Amino acid sequence: MSILFFILFGLIVGFLARAIMPGKQSMGLIATALLGIVGSFFGGFVGNLVYHRPLLEAHSSGFVGSILGALAILAIVTYAGRRRGAYA
């Protein structure tokens, strides 16, 4: 049950990040859930750096940290997609 909750949490965080970020992101449900999950772990990693916890201690961050992490990942993916499309 906890895996389903984590996927649902990632989906909600991914939808919120896509709603906050301006522009059009063409992603399906799976990509949106992965965005939220990866953003949650990225937010946890940055939180470990800020609060001087061990970096290899993998955990998800809180709701706000997850959204901020997902926004950062979405910005990186959007920027990489623009650069790749400009040269192709």
Protein backbone atom coordinates (compact mmCIF):
# COMPACT_ATOMS: atom_id res chain seq x y z
CA MET A 1 0.00 0.00 0.00
CA SER A 2 2.86 2.40 0.72
CA ILE A 3 4.20 2.08 -2.84
CA LEU A 4 0.81 3.07 -4.24
CA PHE A 5 0.69 6.01 -1.84
CA PHE A 6 4.17 7.11 -2.96
CA ILE A 7 3.17 6.92 -6.64
CA LEU A 8 -0.02 8.87 -5.94
CA PHE A 9 1.98 11.46 -3.99
CA GLY A 10 4.41 11.75 -6.92
CA LEU A 11 1.52 12.19 -9.33
CA ILE A 12 0.00 14.99 -7.25
CA VAL A 13 3.37 16.74 -6.85
CA GLY A 14 4.05 16.34 -10.59
CA PHE A 15 0.67 17.85 -11.51
CA LEU A 16 1.23 20.79 -9.16
CA ALA A 17 4.73 21.40 -10.55
CA ARG A 18 3.39 21.32 -14.11
CA ALA A 19 0.59 23.73 -13.14
CA ILE A 20 3.03 26.18 -11.54
CA MET A 21 5.66 26.08 -14.32
CA PRO A 22 4.68 28.33 -17.25
CA GLY A 23 4.59 26.90 -20.74
CA LYS A 24 3.34 23.67 -22.21
CA GLN A 25 4.74 20.38 -21.00
CA SER A 26 3.64 17.39 -23.02
CA MET A 27 3.84 14.55 -20.49
CA GLY A 28 1.63 11.59 -19.78
CA LEU A 29 0.55 10.31 -16.38
CA ILE A 30 3.59 8.08 -15.92
CA ALA A 31 6.04 10.86 -16.78
CA THR A 32 4.20 13.23 -14.44
CA ALA A 33 4.37 10.69 -11.60
CA LEU A 34 8.07 10.12 -12.27
CA LEU A 35 8.62 13.87 -12.25
CA GLY A 36 7.03 14.10 -8.81
CA ILE A 37 8.95 11.12 -7.44
CA VAL A 38 12.32 12.30 -8.75
CA GLY A 39 11.55 15.83 -7.57
CA SER A 40 10.79 14.49 -4.11
CA PHE A 41 14.13 12.71 -3.90
CA PHE A 42 15.94 15.76 -5.32
CA GLY A 43 14.28 17.95 -2.69
CA GLY A 44 15.36 15.46 -0.01
CA PHE A 45 18.94 15.52 -1.32
CA VAL A 46 19.06 19.33 -1.21
CA GLY A 47 17.50 19.23 2.26
CA ASN A 48 20.28 16.89 3.40
CA LEU A 49 22.85 19.34 2.07
CA VAL A 50 21.25 22.31 3.82
CA TYR A 51 20.76 20.60 7.18
CA HIS A 52 24.14 18.78 7.12
CA ARG A 53 22.72 15.26 7.24
CA PRO A 54 24.47 12.28 5.60
CA LEU A 55 24.02 12.54 1.82
CA LEU A 56 23.58 8.80 1.29
CA GLU A 57 20.57 8.76 3.60
CA ALA A 58 17.90 8.56 0.89
CA HIS A 59 14.48 9.85 1.85
CA SER A 60 11.79 11.93 0.32
CA SER A 61 11.34 15.51 1.38
CA GLY A 62 8.18 17.18 2.61
CA PHE A 63 5.41 18.43 0.38
CA VAL A 64 6.93 21.88 -0.27
CA GLY A 65 10.41 20.45 -0.82
CA SER A 66 8.97 17.90 -3.22
CA ILE A 67 7.25 20.60 -5.28
CA LEU A 68 10.41 22.73 -5.35
CA GLY A 69 12.46 19.71 -6.39
CA ALA A 70 9.96 18.82 -9.11
CA LEU A 71 10.03 22.41 -10.37
CA ALA A 72 13.82 22.27 -10.58
CA ILE A 73 13.75 18.95 -12.45
CA LEU A 74 11.03 20.25 -14.79
CA ALA A 75 13.07 23.39 -15.53
CA ILE A 76 16.12 21.25 -16.35
CA VAL A 77 14.10 18.93 -18.60
CA THR A 78 12.44 21.89 -20.35
CA TYR A 79 15.78 23.60 -20.93
CA ALA A 80 17.39 20.40 -22.22
CA GLY A 81 14.43 19.81 -24.56
CA ARG A 82 14.73 23.31 -26.02
CA ARG A 83 18.45 23.00 -26.62
CA ARG A 84 18.11 19.60 -28.23
CA GLY A 85 15.29 20.82 -30.49
CA ALA A 86 17.25 23.88 -31.59
CA TYR A 87 20.09 21.83 -33.05
CA ALA A 88 18.14 18.92 -34.46
